[in-house]
Structures are given as C-alpha cells and as structure tokens.
Protein backbone atom coordinates (compact mmCIF):
# COMPACT_ATOMS: atom_id res chain seq x y z
CA MET A 1 -124.61 -35.99 -5.14
CA SER A 2 -125.15 -32.19 -5.48
CA SER A 3 -127.75 -32.91 -8.25
CA LEU A 4 -129.67 -35.23 -5.96
CA ILE A 5 -129.60 -32.63 -3.16
CA ARG A 6 -130.97 -30.05 -5.44
CA LEU A 7 -133.69 -32.37 -6.58
CA LEU A 8 -134.71 -33.06 -2.98
CA GLN A 9 -134.65 -29.45 -1.98
CA GLY A 10 -136.41 -28.04 -5.17
CA THR A 11 -135.25 -25.55 -7.85
CA VAL A 12 -136.62 -22.79 -9.73
CA THR A 13 -135.57 -21.31 -13.19
CA LEU A 14 -135.99 -17.58 -13.61
CA ARG A 15 -135.80 -14.94 -16.35
CA ILE A 16 -134.35 -11.62 -15.17
CA CYS A 17 -135.03 -8.42 -17.10
CA GLY A 18 -133.40 -5.07 -16.36
CA ALA A 19 -130.54 -2.64 -17.00
CA GLU A 20 -128.38 -3.64 -13.98
CA LEU A 21 -128.05 -7.35 -14.51
CA GLU A 22 -124.44 -7.54 -13.24
CA ARG A 23 -125.36 -5.65 -10.09
CA PHE A 24 -128.18 -8.29 -9.63
CA LEU A 25 -125.64 -11.14 -9.75
CA ASN A 26 -123.21 -9.36 -7.31
CA LEU A 27 -125.93 -8.74 -4.76
CA CYS A 28 -127.05 -12.41 -5.00
CA ALA A 29 -123.35 -13.38 -4.40
CA GLU A 30 -123.16 -11.06 -1.42
CA CYS A 31 -126.38 -12.60 0.02
CA GLN A 32 -124.93 -16.03 -0.50
CA ILE A 33 -127.69 -17.04 -2.98
CA ARG A 34 -126.16 -19.65 -5.13
CA PHE A 35 -127.18 -19.78 -8.85
CA TRP A 36 -126.25 -21.85 -11.82
CA ASN A 37 -127.18 -22.50 -15.51
CA HIS A 38 -126.56 -18.77 -16.08
CA THR A 39 -127.34 -17.72 -19.66
CA LYS A 40 -127.43 -14.13 -21.00
CA HIS A 41 -130.06 -13.86 -23.78
CA THR A 42 -129.83 -10.12 -24.59
CA PHE A 43 -128.09 -7.17 -23.00
CA ASP A 44 -131.01 -6.61 -20.64
CA GLU A 45 -132.35 -10.20 -20.21
CA MET A 46 -130.77 -13.38 -18.72
CA GLY A 47 -131.74 -16.65 -17.34
CA LEU A 48 -130.60 -18.70 -14.18
CA THR A 49 -131.49 -21.32 -11.77
CA ILE A 50 -131.53 -21.02 -7.96
CA ALA A 51 -132.82 -23.09 -4.97
CA ALA A 52 -136.45 -22.82 -4.22
CA ARG A 53 -135.86 -21.69 -0.70
CA ASP A 54 -133.74 -18.71 -1.94
CA PHE A 55 -136.56 -17.41 -4.25
CA PHE A 56 -138.20 -15.47 -1.28
CA ARG A 57 -134.93 -13.79 -0.59
CA LEU A 58 -134.80 -11.91 -3.97
CA PRO A 59 -137.44 -9.02 -3.40
CA PRO A 60 -134.72 -6.71 -1.71
CA ILE A 61 -132.32 -7.26 -4.53
CA VAL A 62 -135.03 -6.72 -7.06
CA ARG A 63 -135.96 -3.29 -5.58
CA LYS A 64 -132.25 -2.19 -5.52
CA THR A 65 -131.73 -3.14 -9.16
CA ARG A 66 -134.97 -2.29 -10.51
CA CYS A 67 -135.11 -5.63 -12.31
CA ARG A 68 -138.19 -7.74 -13.14
CA VAL A 69 -138.10 -11.46 -12.22
CA HIS A 70 -140.19 -13.99 -14.25
CA LEU A 71 -140.75 -17.62 -12.97
CA CYS A 72 -140.22 -20.03 -15.83
CA SER A 73 -140.23 -23.44 -14.26
CA ARG A 74 -140.18 -25.38 -10.95
CA HIS A 75 -138.53 -28.74 -10.39
CA GLY A 76 -137.90 -31.05 -7.48
CA LEU A 77 -139.48 -33.12 -4.74
CA PRO A 78 -141.37 -30.27 -2.93
CA PHE A 79 -143.27 -29.29 -6.08
CA LEU A 80 -143.98 -32.93 -7.01
CA LEU A 81 -145.49 -33.61 -3.53
CA ARG A 82 -147.93 -30.64 -4.08
CA LYS A 83 -149.17 -32.20 -7.31
CA VAL A 84 -149.90 -35.66 -5.75
CA ARG A 85 -152.46 -36.47 -3.17
CA PRO A 86 -151.51 -36.44 0.37
CA VAL A 87 -152.43 -40.02 0.89
CA LEU A 88 -150.09 -41.03 -1.95
CA ALA A 89 -147.28 -38.90 -0.50
CA ILE A 90 -147.81 -40.53 2.87
CA GLY A 91 -147.75 -43.91 1.25
CA VAL A 92 -144.45 -43.21 -0.56
CA ILE A 93 -142.93 -42.05 2.81
CA LEU A 94 -144.23 -45.14 4.63
CA PHE A 95 -142.96 -47.45 1.80
CA VAL A 96 -139.45 -45.97 2.09
CA LEU A 97 -139.54 -46.23 5.89
CA ILE A 98 -140.76 -49.83 5.78
CA ALA A 99 -137.94 -50.65 3.23
CA TRP A 100 -135.42 -49.10 5.33
CA VAL A 101 -136.53 -51.08 8.49
CA MET A 102 -136.80 -54.32 6.55
CA SER A 103 -133.35 -53.89 5.24
CA GLY A 104 -132.22 -54.85 8.70
CA PHE A 105 -133.53 -58.36 8.32
CA LEU A 106 -132.31 -61.28 6.39
CA TRP A 107 -134.54 -62.27 3.51
CA SER A 108 -132.52 -64.33 1.13
CA ILE A 109 -129.58 -66.97 1.42
CA GLU A 110 -127.53 -68.23 -1.40
CA ILE A 111 -125.28 -71.27 -0.81
CA THR A 112 -122.31 -71.95 -3.04
CA GLY A 113 -119.68 -74.80 -3.20
CA ALA A 114 -122.18 -77.68 -2.26
CA ASP A 115 -124.16 -80.02 -4.39
CA ALA A 116 -127.95 -79.85 -4.54
CA ALA A 117 -128.48 -82.75 -2.07
CA SER A 118 -126.48 -80.77 0.64
CA HIS A 119 -128.40 -77.45 0.29
CA ASP A 120 -131.42 -78.57 2.38
CA LEU A 121 -128.94 -79.98 5.08
CA ILE A 122 -126.96 -76.62 5.18
CA ARG A 123 -130.10 -74.47 5.14
CA SER A 124 -131.54 -76.64 8.08
CA ALA A 125 -128.28 -76.27 10.10
CA LEU A 126 -128.35 -72.41 9.38
CA ALA A 127 -131.97 -72.07 10.55
CA GLU A 128 -131.21 -74.08 13.78
CA ASN A 129 -128.57 -71.44 14.49
CA GLY A 130 -130.75 -68.45 13.74
CA VAL A 131 -129.68 -67.62 10.24
CA LYS A 132 -132.96 -67.79 8.34
CA PRO A 133 -135.29 -65.46 6.37
CA GLY A 134 -136.67 -63.02 8.82
CA ALA A 135 -133.66 -62.85 11.32
CA TYR A 136 -132.45 -59.54 12.52
CA THR A 137 -128.93 -59.31 11.20
CA LYS A 138 -127.57 -57.09 13.99
CA ARG A 139 -128.06 -59.91 16.39
CA LEU A 140 -126.48 -62.69 14.40
CA ASP A 141 -123.09 -63.93 15.82
CA LEU A 142 -121.67 -65.26 12.52
CA GLU A 143 -118.45 -66.55 14.01
CA ARG A 144 -120.38 -68.61 16.54
CA VAL A 145 -122.76 -69.92 13.82
CA ARG A 146 -119.91 -70.87 11.53
CA ASN A 147 -118.08 -72.88 14.41
CA GLN A 148 -121.23 -74.53 15.50
CA ILE A 149 -122.21 -75.73 12.06
CA LEU A 150 -118.67 -77.12 11.33
CA ILE A 151 -119.07 -79.26 14.61
CA ASP A 152 -122.68 -80.35 13.72
CA LEU A 153 -121.74 -81.21 10.13
CA PRO A 154 -118.23 -82.79 10.12
CA GLU A 155 -118.35 -83.57 6.41
CA PHE A 156 -117.74 -79.90 5.73
CA ILE A 157 -114.25 -78.56 6.29
CA TYR A 158 -114.90 -74.92 5.37
CA LEU A 159 -117.96 -72.62 5.79
CA ASN A 160 -118.02 -68.77 5.48
CA ILE A 161 -121.05 -66.47 5.86
CA ASN A 162 -120.99 -62.94 4.26
CA LEU A 163 -123.86 -60.44 4.78
CA HIS A 164 -124.86 -57.94 2.03
CA GLY A 165 -127.68 -55.85 3.30
CA SER A 166 -130.62 -58.44 3.61
CA HIS A 167 -128.84 -61.09 1.64
CA ALA A 168 -126.50 -63.68 2.78
CA ASP A 169 -123.80 -65.49 0.83
CA VAL A 170 -122.75 -68.84 2.42
CA ALA A 171 -119.62 -70.48 0.85
CA VAL A 172 -118.92 -74.17 1.82
CA LYS A 173 -116.48 -76.83 1.00
CA LYS A 174 -116.79 -80.59 1.71
CA ARG A 175 -114.09 -82.52 3.43
CA ILE A 176 -112.37 -84.95 1.16
CA ARG A 177 -111.93 -88.13 3.13
CA PRO A 178 -109.23 -90.57 2.50
CA PRO A 179 -110.05 -93.85 0.72
CA GLU A 180 -110.99 -96.69 2.91
CA ILE A 181 -108.39 -99.44 3.46
CA VAL A 182 -109.45 -102.65 1.94
CA ARG A 183 -108.55 -105.42 4.37
CA GLU A 184 -108.06 -108.59 2.41
CA ASN A 185 -108.11 -111.11 5.29
CA GLY A 186 -109.81 -114.45 4.76
CA PHE A 187 -110.44 -116.76 1.88
CA ALA A 188 -111.91 -115.67 -1.44
CA ASN A 189 -112.21 -116.93 -5.03
CA ILE A 190 -112.67 -114.79 -8.23
CA VAL A 191 -115.68 -115.66 -10.24
CA ALA A 192 -117.23 -114.26 -13.47
CA LYS A 193 -120.10 -111.76 -13.05
CA GLU A 194 -121.14 -112.27 -16.67
CA GLY A 195 -120.16 -114.44 -19.57
CA GLY A 196 -117.66 -113.77 -22.40
CA VAL A 197 -114.52 -114.78 -24.09
CA ILE A 198 -111.31 -114.11 -21.93
CA GLU A 199 -109.11 -111.37 -23.39
CA ARG A 200 -106.51 -111.36 -20.63
CA ILE A 201 -106.05 -112.44 -17.01
CA THR A 202 -103.59 -111.02 -14.40
CA VAL A 203 -103.54 -112.82 -11.01
CA TYR A 204 -101.88 -111.10 -8.10
CA GLU A 205 -102.82 -113.81 -5.50
CA GLY A 206 -104.20 -117.21 -6.08
CA THR A 207 -104.14 -119.70 -9.02
CA PRO A 208 -105.81 -119.01 -12.41
CA GLU A 209 -108.40 -121.37 -13.66
CA VAL A 210 -108.90 -119.97 -17.34
CA SER A 211 -106.72 -118.74 -20.06
CA PRO A 212 -107.12 -116.14 -22.66
CA GLY A 213 -109.59 -117.40 -25.52
CA ASP A 214 -111.69 -119.46 -23.02
CA LEU A 215 -115.37 -119.13 -23.05
CA VAL A 216 -116.82 -118.46 -19.57
CA VAL A 217 -120.33 -118.26 -18.18
CA PRO A 218 -121.67 -116.23 -15.23
CA GLY A 219 -120.64 -117.61 -11.93
CA GLN A 220 -117.69 -119.64 -13.34
CA LEU A 221 -114.49 -119.87 -11.28
CA LEU A 222 -111.67 -117.63 -12.80
CA ALA A 223 -109.05 -117.79 -10.00
CA ASN A 224 -109.08 -119.96 -6.90
CA GLY A 225 -107.89 -118.82 -3.51
CA TYR A 226 -105.10 -121.36 -3.07
CA MET A 227 -101.44 -120.78 -3.73
CA THR A 228 -98.94 -123.78 -4.03
CA GLY A 229 -95.67 -123.10 -2.38
CA ARG A 230 -92.34 -124.72 -3.13
CA SER A 231 -92.92 -127.66 -0.99
CA GLY A 232 -96.03 -128.44 -2.90
CA VAL A 233 -98.40 -127.52 -0.09
CA SER A 234 -101.56 -125.46 -1.05
CA VAL A 235 -102.07 -122.48 1.30
CA PRO A 236 -105.59 -120.74 1.31
CA THR A 237 -105.42 -116.92 0.50
CA HIS A 238 -107.62 -114.04 -0.53
CA ALA A 239 -107.46 -114.30 -4.37
CA ARG A 240 -106.94 -111.00 -6.34
CA ALA A 241 -107.03 -110.77 -10.06
CA ASP A 242 -107.92 -108.55 -13.09
CA VAL A 243 -109.93 -110.49 -15.58
CA TYR A 244 -111.04 -108.81 -18.88
CA ALA A 245 -113.32 -110.52 -21.29
CA ARG A 246 -115.14 -109.79 -24.51
CA THR A 247 -118.78 -109.51 -23.85
CA TRP A 248 -121.96 -108.95 -25.92
CA GLN A 249 -124.89 -107.25 -24.52
CA THR A 250 -128.31 -107.18 -26.23
CA LYS A 251 -130.91 -104.51 -25.53
CA ARG A 252 -134.27 -103.96 -27.27
CA ILE A 253 -136.76 -101.11 -27.32
CA LEU A 254 -140.22 -100.85 -28.86
CA PHE A 255 -140.85 -97.31 -30.38
CA PRO A 256 -144.37 -96.23 -31.53
CA LEU A 257 -144.61 -94.63 -34.86
CA GLU A 258 -147.50 -92.42 -33.88
CA ALA A 259 -147.03 -90.00 -31.00
CA GLU A 260 -148.45 -86.81 -29.52
CA GLN A 261 -146.94 -83.47 -30.82
CA ILE A 262 -147.19 -80.17 -29.10
CA THR A 263 -148.32 -77.24 -31.35
CA LEU A 264 -148.25 -73.61 -30.14
CA THR A 265 -151.39 -71.66 -31.15
CA GLY A 266 -149.64 -68.30 -30.91
CA ASP A 267 -151.73 -67.00 -28.05
CA THR A 268 -149.47 -65.71 -25.30
CA TYR A 269 -150.65 -64.49 -21.71
CA ARG A 270 -148.60 -62.79 -19.09
CA LYS A 271 -149.32 -62.28 -15.38
CA TYR A 272 -147.32 -60.12 -12.94
CA THR A 273 -147.59 -60.97 -9.29
CA LEU A 274 -145.82 -59.36 -6.29
CA VAL A 275 -144.64 -61.93 -3.64
CA PHE A 276 -144.01 -61.12 -0.10
CA GLY A 277 -143.41 -64.25 2.01
CA LYS A 278 -146.54 -66.47 1.49
CA LYS A 279 -148.67 -63.56 0.32
CA ARG A 280 -149.27 -63.09 -3.35
CA ILE A 281 -150.67 -59.86 -4.86
CA LYS A 282 -151.57 -59.95 -8.38
CA ILE A 283 -150.43 -56.71 -10.08
CA LEU A 284 -151.27 -57.05 -13.84
CA GLN A 285 -152.53 -59.77 -16.01
CA LYS A 286 -152.84 -59.66 -19.88
CA GLY A 287 -155.63 -62.06 -20.81
CA SER A 288 -156.94 -65.14 -19.00
CA ILE A 289 -154.31 -67.93 -18.48
CA PRO A 290 -155.76 -71.25 -19.18
CA GLU A 291 -155.21 -74.00 -16.66
CA HIS A 292 -154.41 -76.74 -19.12
CA GLU A 293 -152.75 -77.14 -22.35
CA CYS A 294 -150.15 -74.36 -22.18
CA ASP A 295 -146.44 -74.02 -21.88
CA ARG A 296 -145.76 -72.09 -18.75
CA ILE A 297 -142.46 -70.12 -17.98
CA ILE A 298 -142.13 -68.56 -14.47
CA LYS A 299 -139.39 -66.07 -13.75
CA LYS A 300 -138.91 -64.82 -10.24
CA THR A 301 -136.87 -61.54 -9.55
CA GLN A 302 -136.00 -60.17 -6.10
CA LEU A 303 -136.57 -56.44 -5.81
CA SER A 304 -133.71 -54.19 -4.51
CA LEU A 305 -133.12 -50.53 -3.86
CA PRO A 306 -130.13 -48.37 -5.38
CA GLY A 307 -126.98 -49.41 -3.75
CA GLY A 308 -127.70 -53.17 -3.71
CA LEU A 309 -130.08 -53.24 -0.75
CA THR A 310 -132.36 -56.22 -1.30
CA LEU A 311 -136.03 -56.22 -0.32
CA PRO A 312 -138.14 -59.15 0.85
CA LEU A 313 -140.25 -58.65 -2.25
CA TYR A 314 -140.18 -60.68 -5.41
CA LEU A 315 -141.77 -59.75 -8.66
CA GLU A 316 -142.98 -63.00 -10.51
CA LEU A 317 -143.68 -62.93 -14.32
CA GLU A 318 -145.68 -65.87 -15.45
CA THR A 319 -145.80 -66.37 -19.35
CA ALA A 320 -148.07 -68.87 -20.89
CA GLN A 321 -148.22 -70.05 -24.45
CA VAL A 322 -151.34 -71.81 -25.39
CA CYS A 323 -150.73 -75.07 -27.18
CA ARG A 324 -152.65 -78.13 -28.35
CA LEU A 325 -151.79 -81.85 -28.49
CA ASP A 326 -152.01 -83.33 -31.94
CA ARG A 327 -151.55 -86.99 -33.05
CA ALA A 328 -148.75 -87.12 -35.55
CA LEU A 329 -147.12 -89.99 -37.52
CA LEU A 330 -143.42 -90.01 -37.12
CA PRO A 331 -141.30 -90.72 -40.15
CA LEU A 332 -139.58 -94.19 -39.80
CA PRO A 333 -136.05 -92.68 -40.17
CA TYR A 334 -136.70 -90.28 -37.30
CA ALA A 335 -138.04 -93.06 -35.05
CA ILE A 336 -135.12 -95.26 -35.75
CA THR A 337 -132.69 -92.43 -35.08
CA PHE A 338 -134.43 -91.48 -31.86
CA GLY A 339 -134.70 -95.09 -30.70
CA THR A 340 -131.01 -95.74 -31.47
CA GLN A 341 -129.99 -92.69 -29.46
CA ALA A 342 -132.11 -94.10 -26.40
CA LEU A 343 -130.49 -97.42 -26.76
CA GLU A 344 -126.96 -95.94 -26.68
CA ASP A 345 -127.84 -93.65 -23.64
CA SER A 346 -128.92 -96.85 -21.76
CA LEU A 347 -125.55 -98.55 -22.19
CA VAL A 348 -123.60 -98.16 -18.86
CA LEU A 349 -119.90 -98.63 -19.05
CA SER A 350 -117.28 -98.13 -16.29
CA ASP A 351 -113.92 -96.35 -16.60
CA THR A 352 -112.03 -99.57 -17.29
CA ASP A 353 -114.56 -100.86 -19.92
CA ARG A 354 -113.95 -100.41 -23.56
CA LEU A 355 -116.62 -100.30 -26.33
CA LEU A 356 -115.59 -102.18 -29.41
CA ASP A 357 -118.70 -102.31 -31.60
CA LEU A 358 -122.40 -101.37 -31.69
CA ARG A 359 -124.84 -103.20 -34.20
CA PHE A 360 -128.34 -102.14 -34.62
CA SER A 361 -131.45 -103.74 -36.25
CA ALA A 362 -134.91 -102.46 -36.84
CA THR A 363 -138.16 -104.28 -37.51
CA GLU A 364 -141.49 -102.47 -38.34
CA GLN A 365 -144.79 -104.09 -37.29
CA ASN A 366 -148.27 -102.91 -36.35
CA GLY A 367 -147.45 -99.19 -36.16
CA THR A 368 -144.30 -99.59 -34.18
CA VAL A 369 -140.76 -100.19 -34.78
CA GLU A 370 -138.68 -102.76 -32.60
CA LEU A 371 -134.95 -101.75 -32.31
CA GLU A 372 -132.35 -104.13 -31.16
CA MET A 373 -128.78 -103.22 -30.18
CA ILE A 374 -125.88 -105.62 -29.70
CA ALA A 375 -122.89 -103.95 -27.86
CA GLU A 376 -119.56 -105.71 -28.05
CA CYS A 377 -117.27 -104.57 -25.10
CA VAL A 378 -114.22 -105.56 -23.26
CA LYS A 379 -115.09 -105.56 -19.48
CA GLN A 380 -113.68 -106.41 -16.21
CA ILE A 381 -115.81 -109.42 -15.18
CA GLY A 382 -114.03 -110.80 -12.10
CA VAL A 383 -115.59 -110.42 -8.61
CA GLU A 384 -114.72 -111.83 -5.29
CA GLN A 385 -116.73 -114.67 -3.81
C-alpha cells in the first residue's frame, strides 16, 4: 500500500554531494522529511529518494550543510500526467469515474444448479422482479426477490442470490417430486408391442397366454385380464406382468464413399471488438476476415478492475482460419467403420433391455456402401391394453 501511495504522490531520486552528509540526514529527520533507498557512494557523495512534495523543503537544509543536490530521476503519477496531453488525462479520469459509477449497477448474472432449459425461465423471473442487467444494486431487495420467485416457480425448492460488485451468482435447486401413484383400477390385458421369442414371463395379476419359447407377433395377447378363483368363476382384473422376449431389430444406412473434406489453407485472421450492451466498437483487426469458407472461433471475456470489480464491457476476440472444401474419396474401411458406429449409436435400449449380439454386413455399389445391422436383444415387450 505504501508503494502505491508513493506512486500516486510522486517521488524524486537525488544525489547529494558535500562534507556534512550525516548532518544533512539529521536535519531531514528533524524537518520530518522522509527518505528511503539511502546509498552512500563515497565519503562525500550519497543517493536517496524522497517524496516530490518534500523536494521544495530542502533549500534551507542545503544552505546549512553547504551540500549540493542533483536531481537524478522522477517517478509517479504527477510526472506522468505532465507528459501526456491534458485531453488524455481528462479521459483517464473520466474513465475511472465512469467505471466507479457503473460498478454500482448489475451487468452479469450467472445461474448454477439448473439445466439449460430452466435458465431462460429463471432469468425471466429475475427480470420481472428487477434483477436484470442495468439494475441499481443498492435498490435490490434480494430477500423479497428470492421469496417471490420461489412462490412463482414452485418447481424450485431453493434459490439464493449473491452479489459480487456488478456480478450476481444465482444458485438454484429443483424440487424432487414423489413418483405418481399408478392407480390400477379397471380391466386391462397385456399384449406384445413387438414380435420375438418369449424368454420368460412373470404374471402378477391375470392369466398367462404364452409360455417361454413361444413365437409372438406384435399385438398378440400375452396375459388376459381374468383370474379364475377356487369356485371356478372368472373375475375381471387389471393384468400386470413382466414379459421378456428375444427380439431381432434390423437397421440399414446408405453411406457415400465420396464426401466434402475441409482443408485449412494456413491463413489466420484476428479481430478484437469492444462490446458495451448492443454497441460494438472494433479495436484492432489483422487482415480481412472472409465471410465464407472459414473456421471461426469467438471468445468473449468480461473486463474487470483490480479487486474483482466487473465492468459492463466485454472484449471479443474473433479468430478465423480460412479453409476450402475439397471432394475426397473415402477409403472403404473408413466408411464401414464410420457407418457401423452411426448404426450402433442409433440403437435405443432401455435400462431393462439386454443386448446379446450385433451382426453387420456391407455392400458396395455405385459409389456408396450399404450397411445393415441386425441387433439381437432381450426386451420387455409387454404393454397394457
């Protein structure tokens, strides 16, 4: 902190020559002239640093000690402002003043604990309650905002807002609702949603219509909704059963052997832009960024002052690498590998399904390769009807 104060006030480095150097230092101490970086070069020469404002208090001490004072260097803000133009100095002062005023407003909001789909909903609720970019932070009643949003959005059980200068951290937590109670009133059968060979069947309510090893087709009755009591009377009920069958699913994909390939030319362009709200000010640009046929990367950084004080300014760096599109012939093994992976990714299995085997075949014709996948699985095929 003392170094910062000295920098703001300005300092001068002096070379003192004379026979009464010790008396010179004693008189400076008596006059409360602080000095530092004291170095003695010879018996009649030394160097030291004092505050710029104390330099004009030295003449009486110089006359008493008959020493000579030589000014070696000057440092600090006062001397820097003398070198720059007054307009620039005024601009710096105005910038600092504006930054200080703008720090009292909210400019950025970060939401954690919610999925991407809920971010817009939370931001809209915050804006309706006054928490939005441009709001004056001293007038925000965060406790009231928190309670009101929890009332308006009952799907959230927790919400907390922390202000850090002109930045707000919003932490939320969704309410975990209990599972819905399935009411099994009324009559229902269990039928097959797809065909296969029955592996096992467990009937909880109702009467089974198939056995392990039976071949079934989609829509076939697997368990009826009647139960026969000891008296031999059939009573209608809501059938419940787990029916697992071995199924075979076939998928095909047509993959071209000729495709467009992106090739970088090596030319790179950069553009720096200062963003303030909807205003964009171009600062520096290296080369002319083409509108088409280039790979663009945009990095946006919010500016801040020392101490973590964020500003409503963003520095945007746009990097573009020029590329061209070439027609390339893909090797057949690469096309088969890529197409096989695409077929595997398209296979959808639930938590209760079990994959037994995958078989692939490939046929090349007319510049394309046709891939076929047969997936053998054990699935739960019973659904209520």
